[in-house]
Amino acid sequence: MSVSLWCEEGHNSGSPQLRAAWDPTVSGHRVIQRLLHVEERYMPSMLYITLIHRDPERREELAKWALEVCCECGCDETVFPLSVSLMDRFLSASLSIPVSLYCLAAGCILIASKLTECDSVTADTLCAAAEYSFLPSNLLEMERVILATLRWDTAAVTPQDFLPHFLACVEERGDSGESAEEQLSTLRRHSDTLAAMCVCDSRFLGALPSLVAAASLNCALRGLGNKGPTQLALMSEALAELCQTDLAVLQCYSEMIEYALRQRLRSGLQQGPTEKDEEVETERPGTPADMREIDL
């Protein structure tokens, strides 16, 4: 019998990253309670929220640019909301506008990518995305300024942190089978899309991440249209209980998300009527599966 030391394992540089399987031991009410306990710690100040509500265009422009960069770079879905959270907290703590706002947004993306991904986005890639309006040395210096301002407390709680736990609760109350797994996967994509839309929209700036996640999932459940009114009411009550809020508040934010979605879908159809021939439902919009299907 011949013994060979030749490694026959193929190396595919273009293969996606291997992610750990979902561990049920790190889910449940205990984890949700811990997230609820710390989420208020990462909220921006009321003064900053008030100032942004007076003039939301600049922030929404930066958030939209950050979303485009994250999508083009193939970042994980947690990078974008975390980067916007870092940007809001930095501006809230300093209340001063840096020389280059795009350098600030790129620095937040760089930190969020390093925190959540194995292969993080490079500084050169972010400079190219900003059409080299700043140098890599400027970006690295901005990264140090952000970390110093936030005192290295960068692991903020975002709506995407709550969604897997809320979906696990929905799975327990729903049906089982292959079709149920496909529905859960669709729910996750739709919920991520709606939560990303809320991150871009300054009207949701003062909302807690748990409430945004619950309202996004509630809208996704209603948008799929595969459950009756009784089931939807039970799911809404369960989500309100999980995020420790009143059912009326959850319904209010769900309606706000649906209204914002209708606005952006109509805006996208008006800007490019030849690209999309889909009709917009007037009463209840369907949730698109991809962030790039909405004009954020």
Protein backbone atom coordinates (compact mmCIF):
# COMPACT_ATOMS: atom_id res chain seq x y z
CA MET A 1 0.00 0.00 0.00
CA SER A 2 1.48 3.31 -1.09
CA VAL A 3 1.39 6.29 1.20
CA SER A 4 1.18 9.71 -0.39
CA LEU A 5 1.70 13.01 1.37
CA TRP A 6 0.25 14.95 -1.55
CA CYS A 7 -2.66 17.11 -0.49
CA GLU A 8 -5.54 16.52 -2.87
CA GLU A 9 -7.78 19.07 -1.24
CA GLY A 10 -8.79 21.70 -3.75
CA HIS A 11 -8.50 25.36 -2.92
CA ASN A 12 -11.19 27.65 -4.23
CA SER A 13 -10.40 31.26 -3.50
CA GLY A 14 -13.81 32.39 -4.68
CA SER A 15 -15.80 30.21 -2.30
CA PRO A 16 -17.98 31.96 0.28
CA GLN A 17 -17.04 32.02 3.93
CA LEU A 18 -18.08 29.08 6.05
CA ARG A 19 -20.48 30.19 8.74
CA ALA A 20 -21.17 28.37 11.97
CA ALA A 21 -24.52 26.62 12.19
CA TRP A 22 -27.28 28.15 14.28
CA ASP A 23 -26.83 27.09 17.90
CA PRO A 24 -30.15 26.89 19.80
CA THR A 25 -28.31 27.17 23.12
CA VAL A 26 -27.49 30.82 22.37
CA SER A 27 -31.09 31.67 21.60
CA GLY A 28 -34.24 32.08 23.65
CA HIS A 29 -35.61 34.54 26.16
CA ARG A 30 -32.39 34.75 28.19
CA VAL A 31 -30.42 36.10 25.23
CA ILE A 32 -33.25 38.43 24.21
CA GLN A 33 -33.42 39.82 27.74
CA ARG A 34 -29.69 40.49 27.69
CA LEU A 35 -29.94 42.31 24.35
CA LEU A 36 -32.89 44.35 25.62
CA HIS A 37 -30.88 45.28 28.71
CA VAL A 38 -27.94 46.72 26.76
CA GLU A 39 -29.60 48.17 23.62
CA GLU A 40 -30.41 51.56 25.19
CA ARG A 41 -26.73 52.01 25.98
CA TYR A 42 -25.97 52.42 22.27
CA MET A 43 -28.72 54.90 21.42
CA PRO A 44 -27.68 58.39 20.23
CA SER A 45 -28.57 61.41 22.34
CA MET A 46 -31.96 63.12 22.08
CA LEU A 47 -30.24 66.34 21.01
CA TYR A 48 -28.66 64.58 18.04
CA ILE A 49 -31.97 62.91 17.13
CA THR A 50 -33.74 66.28 17.24
CA LEU A 51 -31.11 67.92 15.04
CA ILE A 52 -31.27 65.10 12.49
CA HIS A 53 -35.07 65.22 12.36
CA ARG A 54 -34.82 68.90 11.39
CA ASP A 55 -32.51 68.20 8.46
CA PRO A 56 -32.48 64.45 7.65
CA GLU A 57 -31.26 64.63 4.04
CA ARG A 58 -27.52 64.59 4.77
CA ARG A 59 -27.71 61.59 7.10
CA GLU A 60 -29.94 59.64 4.71
CA GLU A 61 -27.52 60.38 1.88
CA LEU A 62 -24.60 59.01 3.91
CA ALA A 63 -26.59 55.95 5.01
CA LYS A 64 -27.61 55.22 1.42
CA TRP A 65 -23.98 55.51 0.30
CA ALA A 66 -22.88 53.15 3.09
CA LEU A 67 -25.55 50.64 2.00
CA GLU A 68 -24.38 50.78 -1.61
CA VAL A 69 -20.76 50.24 -0.55
CA CYS A 70 -21.68 47.29 1.69
CA CYS A 71 -23.72 45.69 -1.11
CA GLU A 72 -20.98 46.19 -3.72
CA CYS A 73 -18.33 44.76 -1.39
CA GLY A 74 -20.50 41.76 -0.49
CA CYS A 75 -20.42 42.54 3.22
CA ASP A 76 -22.39 40.59 5.78
CA GLU A 77 -25.86 41.93 6.50
CA THR A 78 -24.75 43.01 9.97
CA VAL A 79 -22.04 45.37 8.69
CA PHE A 80 -24.34 48.07 7.33
CA PRO A 81 -26.56 48.66 10.41
CA LEU A 82 -23.54 48.51 12.71
CA SER A 83 -21.64 51.06 10.61
CA VAL A 84 -24.59 53.49 10.65
CA SER A 85 -24.93 52.99 14.40
CA LEU A 86 -21.25 53.85 14.85
CA MET A 87 -21.67 56.94 12.69
CA ASP A 88 -24.70 58.14 14.66
CA ARG A 89 -22.98 57.55 17.99
CA PHE A 90 -19.83 59.35 16.86
CA LEU A 91 -21.75 62.41 15.67
CA SER A 92 -23.90 62.30 18.80
CA ALA A 93 -20.83 62.24 21.06
CA SER A 94 -18.84 64.90 19.22
CA LEU A 95 -21.64 67.08 17.75
CA SER A 96 -19.07 68.29 15.22
CA ILE A 97 -18.97 67.54 11.52
CA PRO A 98 -15.63 66.19 10.22
CA VAL A 99 -14.00 67.56 7.10
CA SER A 100 -15.13 64.58 5.00
CA LEU A 101 -18.40 62.92 5.94
CA TYR A 102 -17.73 60.13 3.45
CA CYS A 103 -14.44 59.45 5.19
CA LEU A 104 -16.39 59.16 8.45
CA ALA A 105 -18.89 56.74 6.88
CA ALA A 106 -16.06 54.71 5.34
CA GLY A 107 -14.27 54.57 8.70
CA CYS A 108 -17.41 53.24 10.35
CA ILE A 109 -17.79 50.59 7.62
CA LEU A 110 -14.15 49.60 8.11
CA ILE A 111 -14.61 49.16 11.87
CA ALA A 112 -17.90 47.27 11.48
CA SER A 113 -16.38 44.96 8.88
CA LYS A 114 -13.37 44.21 11.08
CA LEU A 115 -15.69 43.46 13.98
CA THR A 116 -18.08 41.10 12.18
CA GLU A 117 -16.21 39.54 9.24
CA CYS A 118 -13.16 37.34 8.85
CA ASP A 119 -12.12 39.00 5.59
CA SER A 120 -12.77 42.65 6.25
CA VAL A 121 -13.10 45.39 3.65
CA THR A 122 -9.77 47.03 2.86
CA ALA A 123 -9.03 50.72 3.14
CA ASP A 124 -8.14 50.89 -0.56
CA THR A 125 -11.55 49.48 -1.51
CA LEU A 126 -13.35 52.10 0.56
CA CYS A 127 -11.22 54.89 -0.90
CA ALA A 128 -12.08 53.67 -4.39
CA ALA A 129 -15.78 53.59 -3.49
CA ALA A 130 -15.52 57.26 -2.50
CA GLU A 131 -13.71 58.05 -5.79
CA TYR A 132 -10.53 58.78 -3.83
CA SER A 133 -11.91 61.87 -2.17
CA PHE A 134 -9.65 60.87 0.75
CA LEU A 135 -6.46 58.81 1.07
CA PRO A 136 -6.03 55.50 2.92
CA SER A 137 -3.93 57.34 5.50
CA ASN A 138 -6.83 59.74 6.11
CA LEU A 139 -9.20 56.78 6.51
CA LEU A 140 -6.95 55.04 9.04
CA GLU A 141 -6.62 58.28 11.00
CA MET A 142 -10.41 58.65 10.97
CA GLU A 143 -10.68 55.08 12.25
CA ARG A 144 -8.50 55.97 15.24
CA VAL A 145 -10.57 59.10 15.93
CA ILE A 146 -13.82 57.12 15.87
CA LEU A 147 -12.46 54.45 18.20
CA ALA A 148 -11.11 57.04 20.61
CA THR A 149 -14.39 58.97 20.64
CA LEU A 150 -16.43 55.82 21.28
CA ARG A 151 -13.83 54.53 23.76
CA TRP A 152 -13.52 51.30 21.76
CA ASP A 153 -17.09 50.33 22.64
CA THR A 154 -18.06 49.35 19.10
CA ALA A 155 -20.14 46.17 19.52
CA ALA A 156 -23.46 48.00 19.36
CA VAL A 157 -26.82 46.22 19.33
CA THR A 158 -28.64 46.46 15.99
CA PRO A 159 -31.99 45.16 14.70
CA GLN A 160 -30.14 42.32 12.96
CA ASP A 161 -29.07 41.03 16.38
CA PHE A 162 -32.70 40.47 17.36
CA LEU A 163 -34.02 39.02 14.11
CA PRO A 164 -32.61 35.45 14.48
CA HIS A 165 -34.09 35.14 17.97
CA PHE A 166 -37.46 36.54 16.92
CA LEU A 167 -37.49 34.20 13.92
CA ALA A 168 -36.76 31.24 16.20
CA CYS A 169 -39.86 32.15 18.20
CA VAL A 170 -41.90 32.40 14.99
CA GLU A 171 -40.58 28.99 13.94
CA GLU A 172 -41.72 27.45 17.22
CA ARG A 173 -45.24 28.77 16.69
CA GLY A 174 -45.40 27.90 12.99
CA ASP A 175 -45.53 24.75 10.90
CA SER A 176 -42.64 22.38 10.26
CA GLY A 177 -41.33 20.93 7.02
CA GLU A 178 -39.32 21.97 3.97
CA SER A 179 -41.84 24.64 2.97
CA ALA A 180 -41.62 26.12 6.46
CA GLU A 181 -37.82 26.38 6.16
CA GLU A 182 -38.18 28.19 2.83
CA GLN A 183 -40.70 30.57 4.36
CA LEU A 184 -38.37 31.31 7.27
CA SER A 185 -35.53 32.02 4.85
CA THR A 186 -37.79 34.37 2.91
CA LEU A 187 -38.93 36.03 6.13
CA ARG A 188 -35.31 36.59 7.13
CA ARG A 189 -34.45 38.23 3.80
CA HIS A 190 -37.54 40.44 3.86
CA SER A 191 -36.98 41.41 7.49
CA ASP A 192 -33.33 42.28 6.80
CA THR A 193 -34.45 44.45 3.88
CA LEU A 194 -37.05 46.32 5.92
CA ALA A 195 -34.68 46.77 8.86
CA ALA A 196 -32.04 48.20 6.49
CA MET A 197 -34.65 50.59 5.12
CA CYS A 198 -35.39 51.75 8.68
CA VAL A 199 -31.69 52.32 9.30
CA CYS A 200 -31.58 54.63 6.27
CA ASP A 201 -34.78 56.45 7.23
CA SER A 202 -34.19 59.14 9.86
CA ARG A 203 -37.78 58.81 11.08
CA PHE A 204 -36.75 55.59 12.83
CA LEU A 205 -33.58 57.05 14.37
CA GLY A 206 -34.99 57.22 17.90
CA ALA A 207 -36.58 53.75 17.80
CA LEU A 208 -35.02 50.92 19.77
CA PRO A 209 -33.39 48.17 17.66
CA SER A 210 -35.67 45.55 19.21
CA LEU A 211 -38.76 47.49 18.15
CA VAL A 212 -37.42 47.99 14.62
CA ALA A 213 -36.65 44.27 14.34
CA ALA A 214 -40.07 43.22 15.66
CA ALA A 215 -41.92 45.68 13.42
CA SER A 216 -39.88 44.63 10.37
CA LEU A 217 -40.63 40.97 11.01
CA ASN A 218 -44.29 41.78 11.62
CA CYS A 219 -44.46 43.60 8.26
CA ALA A 220 -42.71 40.70 6.53
CA LEU A 221 -45.24 38.25 7.96
CA ARG A 222 -48.12 40.41 6.75
CA GLY A 223 -46.50 41.02 3.38
CA LEU A 224 -46.11 37.32 2.56
CA GLY A 225 -49.88 36.87 2.85
CA ASN A 226 -49.73 33.18 3.74
CA LYS A 227 -51.28 33.49 7.22
CA GLY A 228 -54.78 34.33 8.31
CA PRO A 229 -55.80 37.30 10.48
CA THR A 230 -55.92 35.17 13.63
CA GLN A 231 -52.39 33.83 13.11
CA LEU A 232 -51.05 37.30 12.33
CA ALA A 233 -52.65 38.69 15.48
CA LEU A 234 -51.05 35.95 17.59
CA MET A 235 -47.65 36.56 15.97
CA SER A 236 -47.94 40.30 16.61
CA GLU A 237 -48.76 39.69 20.27
CA ALA A 238 -45.80 37.33 20.59
CA LEU A 239 -43.41 39.86 19.00
CA ALA A 240 -44.71 42.66 21.23
CA GLU A 241 -44.12 40.45 24.26
CA LEU A 242 -40.61 39.54 23.12
CA CYS A 243 -39.49 43.15 22.67
CA GLN A 244 -41.38 44.24 25.82
CA THR A 245 -43.53 46.87 24.18
CA ASP A 246 -47.22 47.55 23.84
CA LEU A 247 -49.03 45.90 20.95
CA ALA A 248 -50.35 49.28 19.78
CA VAL A 249 -46.78 50.64 19.59
CA LEU A 250 -45.70 47.64 17.52
CA GLN A 251 -48.65 48.07 15.17
CA CYS A 252 -47.88 51.79 14.85
CA TYR A 253 -44.28 51.16 13.83
CA SER A 254 -45.37 48.39 11.47
CA GLU A 255 -47.68 50.83 9.71
CA MET A 256 -44.87 53.40 9.57
CA ILE A 257 -42.60 50.85 7.89
CA GLU A 258 -45.30 49.92 5.38
CA TYR A 259 -45.91 53.59 4.61
CA ALA A 260 -42.17 54.22 4.15
CA LEU A 261 -41.95 51.16 1.90
CA ARG A 262 -44.83 52.38 -0.27
CA GLN A 263 -43.16 55.78 -0.58
CA ARG A 264 -39.85 54.33 -1.69
CA LEU A 265 -41.38 51.83 -4.09
CA ARG A 266 -43.41 54.59 -5.72
CA SER A 267 -40.33 56.80 -5.89
CA GLY A 268 -38.39 54.00 -7.57
CA LEU A 269 -41.16 53.40 -10.09
CA GLN A 270 -41.38 57.09 -10.93
CA GLN A 271 -37.61 57.38 -11.44
CA GLY A 272 -37.34 54.29 -13.65
CA PRO A 273 -40.72 53.26 -15.09
CA THR A 274 -39.11 51.34 -17.94
CA GLU A 275 -37.02 49.19 -15.60
CA LYS A 276 -39.85 47.96 -13.39
CA ASP A 277 -43.27 47.01 -14.67
CA GLU A 278 -44.57 45.78 -11.33
CA GLU A 279 -47.65 47.39 -9.90
CA VAL A 280 -47.56 48.84 -6.40
CA GLU A 281 -50.25 47.47 -4.12
CA THR A 282 -52.05 50.37 -2.48
CA GLU A 283 -53.30 48.72 0.69
CA ARG A 284 -50.42 46.46 1.75
CA PRO A 285 -47.10 46.29 -0.08
CA GLY A 286 -45.20 43.09 -0.64
CA THR A 287 -41.73 43.04 0.87
CA PRO A 288 -38.89 42.83 -1.67
CA ALA A 289 -36.31 40.14 -1.05
CA ASP A 290 -33.29 42.32 -1.77
CA MET A 291 -32.25 45.68 -0.35
CA ARG A 292 -31.35 46.90 -3.82
CA GLU A 293 -34.97 46.50 -5.00
CA ILE A 294 -35.92 49.55 -2.93
CA ASP A 295 -34.85 53.07 -3.70
CA LEU A 296 -33.37 53.86 -0.30
